[in-house]
Amino acid sequence: PAPVLPAGPPAPLKPGDIAFSTDVAPILIDRCGKCHGDRDPENNFAITTLTSLVKGGRSGPAIVPGKGEDSLLVKKLRGAGIEGQRMPLNAPPLADADIATIATWINQGARIDLLTATDPIEKIMATGKSRRLSDDALANVRREAAERLW
């Protein structure tokens, strides 16, 4: 059976919790998004939303909420206990600390802390980043984005 994500609105983080929006999503986008984005994702595994991330691809569900070390995503990142290659393919492995962050987040229930499981991961990450910025820093980010457009 497919893993089930916790239903309902985002859960508030407790001290020590890993935030999907600011701790996990940036790693996935940076290191996995090139091959597992929305355009013809490798192995039919897209990381475009939390829903698609949990669902996985041809190899089955990528995440078992509450079981980081048993989750295919963590196994593929570690390159242990799997068929096929370590991920990311043909690229340096993720740092052990990054894999541990992802595994801990899964152990904590693979919960989303902002928006919804069907929102684009990039939007969730941007929302998380904006919430951590001061008003002045956020104004600078917006100004720089506007300058790039014009």
Protein backbone atom coordinates (compact mmCIF):
# COMPACT_ATOMS: atom_id res chain seq x y z
CA PRO A 1 0.00 0.00 0.00
CA ALA A 2 1.04 3.57 -0.68
CA PRO A 3 2.21 5.60 2.31
CA VAL A 4 -0.27 8.08 3.69
CA LEU A 5 0.64 11.65 4.51
CA PRO A 6 -0.85 13.24 7.60
CA ALA A 7 -4.08 14.98 6.61
CA GLY A 8 -5.13 18.49 7.46
CA PRO A 9 -3.35 21.80 7.65
CA PRO A 10 0.39 22.11 8.17
CA ALA A 11 1.49 21.15 11.66
CA PRO A 12 3.36 23.72 13.73
CA LEU A 13 6.98 22.79 14.29
CA LYS A 14 8.20 21.92 17.75
CA PRO A 15 11.75 22.68 18.91
CA GLY A 16 14.11 20.27 17.18
CA ASP A 17 11.73 19.48 14.31
CA ILE A 18 13.07 19.53 10.78
CA ALA A 19 11.19 21.97 8.55
CA PHE A 20 10.34 20.68 5.09
CA SER A 21 10.16 24.23 3.73
CA THR A 22 13.61 25.39 4.81
CA ASP A 23 15.60 22.26 5.66
CA VAL A 24 14.51 19.52 3.23
CA ALA A 25 13.02 21.19 0.14
CA PRO A 26 16.18 23.22 -0.67
CA ILE A 27 18.30 20.04 -0.65
CA LEU A 28 15.86 18.18 -2.89
CA ILE A 29 15.48 21.05 -5.35
CA ASP A 30 19.23 21.68 -5.55
CA ARG A 31 20.42 18.09 -5.77
CA CYS A 32 17.49 16.14 -7.23
CA GLY A 33 15.36 18.60 -9.17
CA LYS A 34 17.37 18.48 -12.40
CA CYS A 35 16.48 14.83 -13.05
CA HIS A 36 13.27 14.52 -11.03
CA GLY A 37 11.51 17.76 -11.93
CA ASP A 38 8.23 18.18 -13.76
CA ARG A 39 9.52 17.52 -17.30
CA ASP A 40 9.87 13.81 -18.01
CA PRO A 41 11.20 12.86 -14.56
CA GLU A 42 13.66 9.98 -14.42
CA ASN A 43 12.10 6.65 -13.39
CA ASN A 44 8.71 8.45 -13.34
CA PHE A 45 9.74 9.91 -9.95
CA ALA A 46 8.93 13.61 -9.63
CA ILE A 47 9.77 15.73 -6.61
CA THR A 48 7.52 18.58 -7.69
CA THR A 49 5.15 18.30 -4.70
CA LEU A 50 5.28 16.52 -1.37
CA THR A 51 2.52 14.23 -2.66
CA SER A 52 4.60 13.20 -5.69
CA LEU A 53 7.71 12.84 -3.52
CA VAL A 54 5.99 10.41 -1.16
CA LYS A 55 4.33 8.51 -4.01
CA GLY A 56 7.68 7.76 -5.62
CA GLY A 57 8.16 6.33 -9.09
CA ARG A 58 8.57 3.01 -10.84
CA SER A 59 10.52 1.62 -7.88
CA GLY A 60 7.64 2.28 -5.48
CA PRO A 61 6.96 4.75 -2.68
CA ALA A 62 9.97 6.95 -1.92
CA ILE A 63 9.04 7.76 1.66
CA VAL A 64 7.57 5.77 4.52
CA PRO A 65 6.53 8.47 7.04
CA GLY A 66 8.05 7.66 10.43
CA LYS A 67 10.67 5.31 8.94
CA GLY A 68 13.59 7.27 7.51
CA GLU A 69 16.08 4.44 7.16
CA ASP A 70 13.44 2.19 5.56
CA SER A 71 12.48 4.83 3.01
CA LEU A 72 13.66 4.25 -0.56
CA LEU A 73 14.71 7.91 -0.86
CA VAL A 74 17.21 7.60 2.00
CA LYS A 75 18.45 4.23 0.77
CA LYS A 76 19.04 5.65 -2.73
CA LEU A 77 20.85 8.69 -1.32
CA ARG A 78 23.07 6.46 0.82
CA GLY A 79 23.56 3.91 -2.00
CA ALA A 80 22.91 1.03 0.43
CA GLY A 81 20.28 -1.72 0.45
CA ILE A 82 19.06 -0.90 -3.06
CA GLU A 83 18.95 -2.18 -6.57
CA GLY A 84 20.48 0.20 -9.06
CA GLN A 85 22.68 3.22 -8.47
CA ARG A 86 23.22 5.67 -5.65
CA MET A 87 21.60 9.01 -6.24
CA PRO A 88 22.20 11.57 -7.51
CA LEU A 89 23.43 9.62 -10.51
CA ASN A 90 26.76 10.75 -11.98
CA ALA A 91 27.13 13.45 -9.33
CA PRO A 92 28.86 13.70 -5.96
CA PRO A 93 26.87 12.12 -3.14
CA LEU A 94 24.89 14.28 -0.77
CA ALA A 95 26.68 15.20 2.44
CA ASP A 96 25.97 12.81 5.31
CA ALA A 97 24.44 15.73 7.23
CA ASP A 98 21.97 16.42 4.39
CA ILE A 99 20.93 12.76 4.23
CA ALA A 100 20.55 12.72 8.02
CA THR A 101 18.34 15.83 7.81
CA ILE A 102 16.06 14.12 5.28
CA ALA A 103 15.97 10.88 7.31
CA THR A 104 15.15 12.77 10.52
CA TRP A 105 12.36 14.68 8.77
CA ILE A 106 10.91 11.37 7.56
CA ASN A 107 11.27 9.90 11.07
CA GLN A 108 9.32 12.89 12.37
CA GLY A 109 6.42 11.93 10.08
CA ALA A 110 7.40 13.60 6.77
CA ARG A 111 5.13 16.49 7.68
CA ILE A 112 4.72 19.68 5.76
CA ASP A 113 5.14 22.90 7.75
CA LEU A 114 3.77 25.42 5.23
CA LEU A 115 1.09 25.43 2.53
CA THR A 116 -0.13 21.99 1.38
CA ALA A 117 1.25 18.68 0.14
CA THR A 118 0.01 19.47 -3.38
CA ASP A 119 1.69 22.89 -3.64
CA PRO A 120 4.90 23.06 -5.71
CA ILE A 121 8.01 22.40 -3.62
CA GLU A 122 9.60 25.58 -5.01
CA LYS A 123 6.66 27.62 -3.68
CA ILE A 124 6.91 25.93 -0.27
CA MET A 125 10.65 26.65 -0.14
CA ALA A 126 10.19 30.30 -1.16
CA THR A 127 7.48 30.76 1.46
CA GLY A 128 9.69 29.27 4.14
CA LYS A 129 12.63 31.43 3.14
CA SER A 130 10.50 34.59 3.10
CA ARG A 131 9.19 33.90 6.60
CA ARG A 132 12.72 33.75 7.99
CA LEU A 133 13.80 37.05 6.44
CA SER A 134 13.49 40.42 8.10
CA ASP A 135 11.27 43.01 6.40
CA ASP A 136 14.38 44.78 5.03
CA ALA A 137 15.93 41.55 3.75
CA LEU A 138 12.66 40.51 2.09
CA ALA A 139 12.39 43.94 0.45
CA ASN A 140 15.93 43.48 -0.94
CA VAL A 141 15.04 40.04 -2.35
CA ARG A 142 11.97 41.49 -4.05
CA ARG A 143 13.95 44.44 -5.43
CA GLU A 144 16.66 42.15 -6.83
CA ALA A 145 14.03 39.89 -8.42
CA ALA A 146 12.34 42.92 -10.00
CA GLU A 147 15.69 44.19 -11.35
CA ARG A 148 16.32 40.81 -13.02
CA LEU A 149 12.94 41.00 -14.72
CA TRP A 150 13.49 44.54 -16.00
